């Protein structure tokens, strides 16, 4: 086990190190519904990250993306997120069946701030929702409906520090491992790296919707 100088085990010690004084807006900016600012941000976001938790305590974080505004603001307390073709693991959906609590991070390319939303989710199959969220004539099979309980904007410090939106700071694309490499590392199969990559490339071209 990793040896450290100190493990923080109480809220009082945490607040001793990170006091609340001088951060009033941080605590007051939270709302329990989607205001006009949240609606506008969601309308411009093509990418979100959804966190769910299973009853065994493991947390899953799943990226989801579509054209900007793909998450529907049904009303000031309700979000609808269409489900697109994936790998059929359905980790997030299975977690929701066990624990409906979810958290969502909305990201807009080139924008420093992010929007955080938390609430209770359910999985639905509804013809009207499916029709509204069809792309290229293809409807989603399912959708996630989220009852919003908390929403607030998050500051841009992490994106500034990471220089996420500055191409001159990006690593060379081929220096990062690929999913194909992960598959060969973890799954016993008689395919070459190029063959696995070809399978994934075909999947990306033919199973987006």
C-alpha atoms as a PDB file:
ATOM      1  CA  UNK A   1       0.000   0.000   0.000  1.00  0.00           C
ATOM      2  CA  UNK A   2       1.163   3.528  -0.784  1.00  0.00           C
ATOM      3  CA  UNK A   3       2.680   5.298   2.247  1.00  0.00           C
ATOM      4  CA  UNK A   4       1.774   8.993   2.598  1.00  0.00           C
ATOM      5  CA  UNK A   5       2.463  11.776   5.085  1.00  0.00           C
ATOM      6  CA  UNK A   6      -1.211  12.220   5.965  1.00  0.00           C
ATOM      7  CA  UNK A   7      -4.552  10.740   4.957  1.00  0.00           C
ATOM      8  CA  UNK A   8      -7.499  13.127   5.314  1.00  0.00           C
ATOM      9  CA  UNK A   9     -10.267  11.259   7.140  1.00  0.00           C
ATOM     10  CA  UNK A  10     -12.642  13.961   8.397  1.00  0.00           C
ATOM     11  CA  UNK A  11     -14.561  16.932   6.996  1.00  0.00           C
ATOM     12  CA  UNK A  12     -13.160  19.149   9.750  1.00  0.00           C
ATOM     13  CA  UNK A  13      -9.573  18.417   8.683  1.00  0.00           C
ATOM     14  CA  UNK A  14     -10.513  18.838   5.019  1.00  0.00           C
ATOM     15  CA  UNK A  15     -12.010  22.246   5.749  1.00  0.00           C
ATOM     16  CA  UNK A  16      -9.002  23.197   7.841  1.00  0.00           C
ATOM     17  CA  UNK A  17      -6.881  22.738   4.723  1.00  0.00           C
ATOM     18  CA  UNK A  18      -9.478  24.052   2.257  1.00  0.00           C
ATOM     19  CA  UNK A  19     -11.591  26.648   4.123  1.00  0.00           C
ATOM     20  CA  UNK A  20     -14.844  28.047   2.753  1.00  0.00           C
ATOM     21  CA  UNK A  21     -13.999  31.682   3.534  1.00  0.00           C
ATOM     22  CA  UNK A  22     -13.787  33.826   0.411  1.00  0.00           C
ATOM     23  CA  UNK A  23     -15.676  31.335  -1.776  1.00  0.00           C
ATOM     24  CA  UNK A  24     -19.259  32.482  -1.184  1.00  0.00           C
ATOM     25  CA  UNK A  25     -20.334  32.300  -4.827  1.00  0.00           C
ATOM     26  CA  UNK A  26     -19.086  28.726  -5.040  1.00  0.00           C
ATOM     27  CA  UNK A  27     -21.795  27.592  -2.641  1.00  0.00           C
ATOM     28  CA  UNK A  28     -24.554  30.017  -3.631  1.00  0.00           C
ATOM     29  CA  UNK A  29     -24.421  29.337  -7.379  1.00  0.00           C
ATOM     30  CA  UNK A  30     -26.073  25.905  -7.085  1.00  0.00           C
ATOM     31  CA  UNK A  31     -29.690  25.610  -8.237  1.00  0.00           C
ATOM     32  CA  UNK A  32     -32.165  22.726  -8.283  1.00  0.00           C
ATOM     33  CA  UNK A  33     -33.426  23.412 -11.789  1.00  0.00           C
ATOM     34  CA  UNK A  34     -32.286  24.347 -15.286  1.00  0.00           C
ATOM     35  CA  UNK A  35     -32.294  28.119 -15.665  1.00  0.00           C
ATOM     36  CA  UNK A  36     -31.901  30.025 -18.946  1.00  0.00           C
ATOM     37  CA  UNK A  37     -28.095  29.941 -18.735  1.00  0.00           C
ATOM     38  CA  UNK A  38     -28.100  26.163 -18.296  1.00  0.00           C
ATOM     39  CA  UNK A  39     -30.498  25.737 -21.203  1.00  0.00           C
ATOM     40  CA  UNK A  40     -28.295  27.812 -23.504  1.00  0.00           C
ATOM     41  CA  UNK A  41     -25.178  25.905 -22.449  1.00  0.00           C
ATOM     42  CA  UNK A  42     -26.838  22.519 -23.021  1.00  0.00           C
ATOM     43  CA  UNK A  43     -28.025  23.695 -26.452  1.00  0.00           C
ATOM     44  CA  UNK A  44     -24.400  24.307 -27.498  1.00  0.00           C
ATOM     45  CA  UNK A  45     -22.870  21.155 -25.964  1.00  0.00           C
ATOM     46  CA  UNK A  46     -22.073  18.255 -28.341  1.00  0.00           C
ATOM     47  CA  UNK A  47     -20.348  16.179 -25.670  1.00  0.00           C
ATOM     48  CA  UNK A  48     -21.202  15.015 -22.159  1.00  0.00           C
ATOM     49  CA  UNK A  49     -19.770  12.657 -19.565  1.00  0.00           C
ATOM     50  CA  UNK A  50     -22.237  10.646 -17.477  1.00  0.00           C
ATOM     51  CA  UNK A  51     -21.328   9.111 -14.116  1.00  0.00           C
ATOM     52  CA  UNK A  52     -23.336   6.268 -12.579  1.00  0.00           C
ATOM     53  CA  UNK A  53     -22.808   3.970  -9.604  1.00  0.00           C
ATOM     54  CA  UNK A  54     -23.618   0.316  -9.042  1.00  0.00           C
ATOM     55  CA  UNK A  55     -24.726  -1.134  -5.730  1.00  0.00           C
ATOM     56  CA  UNK A  56     -21.289  -2.686  -5.227  1.00  0.00           C
ATOM     57  CA  UNK A  57     -19.864   0.849  -5.125  1.00  0.00           C
ATOM     58  CA  UNK A  58     -18.038   0.860  -8.445  1.00  0.00           C
ATOM     59  CA  UNK A  59     -18.507   4.062 -10.435  1.00  0.00           C
ATOM     60  CA  UNK A  60     -18.767   4.132 -14.224  1.00  0.00           C
ATOM     61  CA  UNK A  61     -18.019   7.207 -16.327  1.00  0.00           C
ATOM     62  CA  UNK A  62     -19.335   7.142 -19.884  1.00  0.00           C
ATOM     63  CA  UNK A  63     -18.717   9.687 -22.685  1.00  0.00           C
ATOM     64  CA  UNK A  64     -21.634  10.514 -24.990  1.00  0.00           C
ATOM     65  CA  UNK A  65     -21.653  12.741 -28.038  1.00  0.00           C
ATOM     66  CA  UNK A  66     -23.901  13.891 -30.860  1.00  0.00           C
ATOM     67  CA  UNK A  67     -24.586  17.154 -32.717  1.00  0.00           C
ATOM     68  CA  UNK A  68     -24.713  20.165 -30.374  1.00  0.00           C
ATOM     69  CA  UNK A  69     -27.908  20.285 -28.364  1.00  0.00           C
ATOM     70  CA  UNK A  70     -28.564  16.537 -28.563  1.00  0.00           C
ATOM     71  CA  UNK A  71     -29.546  16.515 -24.884  1.00  0.00           C
ATOM     72  CA  UNK A  72     -33.149  17.699 -24.756  1.00  0.00           C
ATOM     73  CA  UNK A  73     -34.281  20.083 -22.028  1.00  0.00           C
ATOM     74  CA  UNK A  74     -37.864  18.879 -21.681  1.00  0.00           C
ATOM     75  CA  UNK A  75     -38.624  21.326 -18.877  1.00  0.00           C
ATOM     76  CA  UNK A  76     -36.702  23.081 -16.105  1.00  0.00           C
ATOM     77  CA  UNK A  77     -36.427  19.835 -14.112  1.00  0.00           C
ATOM     78  CA  UNK A  78     -36.088  17.213 -16.859  1.00  0.00           C
ATOM     79  CA  UNK A  79     -33.385  16.181 -19.324  1.00  0.00           C
ATOM     80  CA  UNK A  80     -33.703  13.560 -22.056  1.00  0.00           C
ATOM     81  CA  UNK A  81     -30.551  11.878 -23.400  1.00  0.00           C
ATOM     82  CA  UNK A  82     -30.949   9.584 -26.436  1.00  0.00           C
ATOM     83  CA  UNK A  83     -28.967   6.355 -26.394  1.00  0.00           C
ATOM     84  CA  UNK A  84     -26.933   5.585 -29.519  1.00  0.00           C
ATOM     85  CA  UNK A  85     -25.349   2.393 -30.819  1.00  0.00           C
ATOM     86  CA  UNK A  86     -22.488   1.203 -28.636  1.00  0.00           C
ATOM     87  CA  UNK A  87     -20.714  -1.890 -27.415  1.00  0.00           C
ATOM     88  CA  UNK A  88     -23.752  -3.368 -25.620  1.00  0.00           C
ATOM     89  CA  UNK A  89     -21.959  -3.389 -22.255  1.00  0.00           C
ATOM     90  CA  UNK A  90     -24.702  -1.030 -20.952  1.00  0.00           C
ATOM     91  CA  UNK A  91     -22.738  -0.467 -17.745  1.00  0.00           C
ATOM     92  CA  UNK A  92     -24.443   2.856 -17.114  1.00  0.00           C
ATOM     93  CA  UNK A  93     -27.951   1.565 -17.748  1.00  0.00           C
ATOM     94  CA  UNK A  94     -27.397  -1.442 -15.503  1.00  0.00           C
ATOM     95  CA  UNK A  95     -26.120   0.889 -12.784  1.00  0.00           C
ATOM     96  CA  UNK A  96     -29.211   3.093 -13.095  1.00  0.00           C
ATOM     97  CA  UNK A  97     -31.427   0.059 -12.554  1.00  0.00           C
ATOM     98  CA  UNK A  98     -29.566  -0.489  -9.273  1.00  0.00           C
ATOM     99  CA  UNK A  99     -29.004   3.136  -8.261  1.00  0.00           C
ATOM    100  CA  UNK A 100     -30.767   5.993 -10.129  1.00  0.00           C
ATOM    101  CA  UNK A 101     -28.317   8.702  -9.010  1.00  0.00           C
ATOM    102  CA  UNK A 102     -26.372  10.182 -11.928  1.00  0.00           C
ATOM    103  CA  UNK A 103     -24.065  13.121 -12.581  1.00  0.00           C
ATOM    104  CA  UNK A 104     -23.487  14.762 -15.965  1.00  0.00           C
ATOM    105  CA  UNK A 105     -20.715  17.074 -17.166  1.00  0.00           C
ATOM    106  CA  UNK A 106     -21.554  19.178 -20.245  1.00  0.00           C
ATOM    107  CA  UNK A 107     -18.594  20.256 -22.377  1.00  0.00           C
ATOM    108  CA  UNK A 108     -18.511  22.819 -25.204  1.00  0.00           C
ATOM    109  CA  UNK A 109     -15.406  22.721 -27.444  1.00  0.00           C
ATOM    110  CA  UNK A 110     -13.228  25.781 -27.042  1.00  0.00           C
ATOM    111  CA  UNK A 111     -15.194  26.922 -23.978  1.00  0.00           C
ATOM    112  CA  UNK A 112     -13.467  27.083 -20.615  1.00  0.00           C
ATOM    113  CA  UNK A 113     -16.475  26.653 -18.337  1.00  0.00           C
ATOM    114  CA  UNK A 114     -18.465  23.453 -17.923  1.00  0.00           C
ATOM    115  CA  UNK A 115     -21.952  22.687 -16.633  1.00  0.00           C
ATOM    116  CA  UNK A 116     -22.514  20.086 -13.936  1.00  0.00           C
ATOM    117  CA  UNK A 117     -25.899  18.464 -13.397  1.00  0.00           C
ATOM    118  CA  UNK A 118     -26.908  15.772 -10.905  1.00  0.00           C
ATOM    119  CA  UNK A 119     -30.198  13.989 -10.390  1.00  0.00           C
ATOM    120  CA  UNK A 120     -32.207  10.790 -10.626  1.00  0.00           C
ATOM    121  CA  UNK A 121     -32.315   8.840 -13.894  1.00  0.00           C
ATOM    122  CA  UNK A 122     -34.616   6.284 -15.465  1.00  0.00           C
ATOM    123  CA  UNK A 123     -34.427   4.332 -18.716  1.00  0.00           C
ATOM    124  CA  UNK A 124     -37.365   4.755 -21.086  1.00  0.00           C
ATOM    125  CA  UNK A 125     -38.573   3.557 -24.463  1.00  0.00           C
ATOM    126  CA  UNK A 126     -40.966   6.073 -25.985  1.00  0.00           C
ATOM    127  CA  UNK A 127     -41.981   6.525 -29.625  1.00  0.00           C
ATOM    128  CA  UNK A 128     -42.376  10.308 -29.388  1.00  0.00           C
ATOM    129  CA  UNK A 129     -38.939  10.727 -27.814  1.00  0.00           C
ATOM    130  CA  UNK A 130     -37.380   8.378 -30.358  1.00  0.00           C
ATOM    131  CA  UNK A 131     -38.857  10.342 -33.269  1.00  0.00           C
ATOM    132  CA  UNK A 132     -37.624  13.664 -31.887  1.00  0.00           C
ATOM    133  CA  UNK A 133     -34.098  12.301 -31.555  1.00  0.00           C
ATOM    134  CA  UNK A 134     -33.807  10.462 -34.865  1.00  0.00           C
ATOM    135  CA  UNK A 135     -30.658  11.200 -36.894  1.00  0.00           C
ATOM    136  CA  UNK A 136     -30.270  10.192 -40.531  1.00  0.00           C
ATOM    137  CA  UNK A 137     -33.678   8.567 -40.245  1.00  0.00           C
ATOM    138  CA  UNK A 138     -32.513   6.268 -37.453  1.00  0.00           C
ATOM    139  CA  UNK A 139     -34.210   6.459 -34.078  1.00  0.00           C
ATOM    140  CA  UNK A 140     -32.569   5.562 -30.759  1.00  0.00           C
ATOM    141  CA  UNK A 141     -33.916   2.443 -29.110  1.00  0.00           C
ATOM    142  CA  UNK A 142     -33.834   3.852 -25.576  1.00  0.00           C
ATOM    143  CA  UNK A 143     -33.354   7.139 -23.771  1.00  0.00           C
ATOM    144  CA  UNK A 144     -32.270   8.280 -20.332  1.00  0.00           C
ATOM    145  CA  UNK A 145     -34.607  10.690 -18.551  1.00  0.00           C
ATOM    146  CA  UNK A 146     -32.993  12.663 -15.740  1.00  0.00           C
ATOM    147  CA  UNK A 147     -34.881  14.502 -13.006  1.00  0.00           C
ATOM    148  CA  UNK A 148     -32.581  17.408 -12.168  1.00  0.00           C
ATOM    149  CA  UNK A 149     -31.798  17.953  -8.497  1.00  0.00           C
ATOM    150  CA  UNK A 150     -28.646  20.069  -8.748  1.00  0.00           C
ATOM    151  CA  UNK A 151     -27.061  22.226 -11.446  1.00  0.00           C
ATOM    152  CA  UNK A 152     -24.198  24.693 -11.518  1.00  0.00           C
ATOM    153  CA  UNK A 153     -21.492  26.062 -13.760  1.00  0.00           C
ATOM    154  CA  UNK A 154     -17.909  25.046 -13.060  1.00  0.00           C
ATOM    155  CA  UNK A 155     -14.966  27.399 -13.535  1.00  0.00           C
ATOM    156  CA  UNK A 156     -12.419  27.007 -16.328  1.00  0.00           C
ATOM    157  CA  UNK A 157      -9.229  26.450 -14.293  1.00  0.00           C
ATOM    158  CA  UNK A 158      -8.878  22.740 -15.121  1.00  0.00           C
ATOM    159  CA  UNK A 159      -9.273  23.342 -18.851  1.00  0.00           C
ATOM    160  CA  UNK A 160      -6.864  26.255 -18.735  1.00  0.00           C
ATOM    161  CA  UNK A 161      -4.256  24.199 -16.903  1.00  0.00           C
ATOM    162  CA  UNK A 162      -4.652  21.247 -19.264  1.00  0.00           C
ATOM    163  CA  UNK A 163      -4.582  23.515 -22.354  1.00  0.00           C
ATOM    164  CA  UNK A 164      -7.231  21.198 -23.726  1.00  0.00           C
ATOM    165  CA  UNK A 165      -8.361  23.581 -26.442  1.00  0.00           C
ATOM    166  CA  UNK A 166      -4.851  24.576 -27.600  1.00  0.00           C
ATOM    167  CA  UNK A 167      -3.700  22.317 -30.474  1.00  0.00           C
ATOM    168  CA  UNK A 168      -0.090  23.415 -30.072  1.00  0.00           C
ATOM    169  CA  UNK A 169      -0.026  21.618 -26.707  1.00  0.00           C
ATOM    170  CA  UNK A 170      -1.615  18.378 -27.915  1.00  0.00           C
ATOM    171  CA  UNK A 171       0.587  15.257 -28.015  1.00  0.00           C
ATOM    172  CA  UNK A 172       1.162  13.675 -31.405  1.00  0.00           C
ATOM    173  CA  UNK A 173      -1.917  11.575 -32.181  1.00  0.00           C
ATOM    174  CA  UNK A 174      -0.023   8.331 -32.685  1.00  0.00           C
ATOM    175  CA  UNK A 175       1.779   8.563 -29.339  1.00  0.00           C
ATOM    176  CA  UNK A 176      -1.412   7.616 -27.464  1.00  0.00           C
ATOM    177  CA  UNK A 177      -2.403   3.922 -27.424  1.00  0.00           C
ATOM    178  CA  UNK A 178      -5.545   2.916 -29.310  1.00  0.00           C
ATOM    179  CA  UNK A 179      -8.543   0.772 -28.422  1.00  0.00           C
ATOM    180  CA  UNK A 180      -7.205  -1.833 -30.838  1.00  0.00           C
ATOM    181  CA  UNK A 181      -3.982  -2.030 -28.823  1.00  0.00           C
ATOM    182  CA  UNK A 182      -6.006  -2.414 -25.623  1.00  0.00           C
ATOM    183  CA  UNK A 183      -7.990  -5.272 -27.122  1.00  0.00           C
ATOM    184  CA  UNK A 184      -4.846  -7.152 -28.142  1.00  0.00           C
ATOM    185  CA  UNK A 185      -3.386  -6.586 -24.671  1.00  0.00           C
ATOM    186  CA  UNK A 186      -6.441  -7.871 -22.784  1.00  0.00           C
ATOM    187  CA  UNK A 187      -8.317 -10.279 -25.074  1.00  0.00           C
ATOM    188  CA  UNK A 188      -6.887 -13.529 -26.404  1.00  0.00           C
ATOM    189  CA  UNK A 189      -7.561 -13.528 -30.156  1.00  0.00           C
ATOM    190  CA  UNK A 190      -5.852 -14.526 -33.382  1.00  0.00           C
ATOM    191  CA  UNK A 191      -5.881 -11.148 -35.093  1.00  0.00           C
ATOM    192  CA  UNK A 192      -3.159  -8.674 -35.905  1.00  0.00           C
ATOM    193  CA  UNK A 193      -3.265  -5.106 -34.685  1.00  0.00           C
ATOM    194  CA  UNK A 194      -4.174  -3.894 -38.176  1.00  0.00           C
ATOM    195  CA  UNK A 195      -7.039  -6.383 -38.393  1.00  0.00           C
ATOM    196  CA  UNK A 196      -8.487  -5.299 -35.045  1.00  0.00           C
ATOM    197  CA  UNK A 197      -8.105  -1.652 -36.034  1.00  0.00           C
ATOM    198  CA  UNK A 198      -9.879  -2.337 -39.336  1.00  0.00           C
ATOM    199  CA  UNK A 199     -12.791  -3.903 -37.428  1.00  0.00           C
ATOM    200  CA  UNK A 200     -13.070  -0.812 -35.248  1.00  0.00           C
ATOM    201  CA  UNK A 201     -12.828   1.540 -38.232  1.00  0.00           C
ATOM    202  CA  UNK A 202     -15.669  -0.273 -39.992  1.00  0.00           C
ATOM    203  CA  UNK A 203     -17.744  -0.102 -36.792  1.00  0.00           C
ATOM    204  CA  UNK A 204     -17.155   3.650 -36.566  1.00  0.00           C
ATOM    205  CA  UNK A 205     -18.273   4.156 -40.155  1.00  0.00           C
ATOM    206  CA  UNK A 206     -21.334   1.915 -40.099  1.00  0.00           C
ATOM    207  CA  UNK A 207     -22.706   1.959 -36.538  1.00  0.00           C
ATOM    208  CA  UNK A 208     -22.863   5.596 -35.473  1.00  0.00           C
ATOM    209  CA  UNK A 209     -26.687   5.562 -35.635  1.00  0.00           C
END
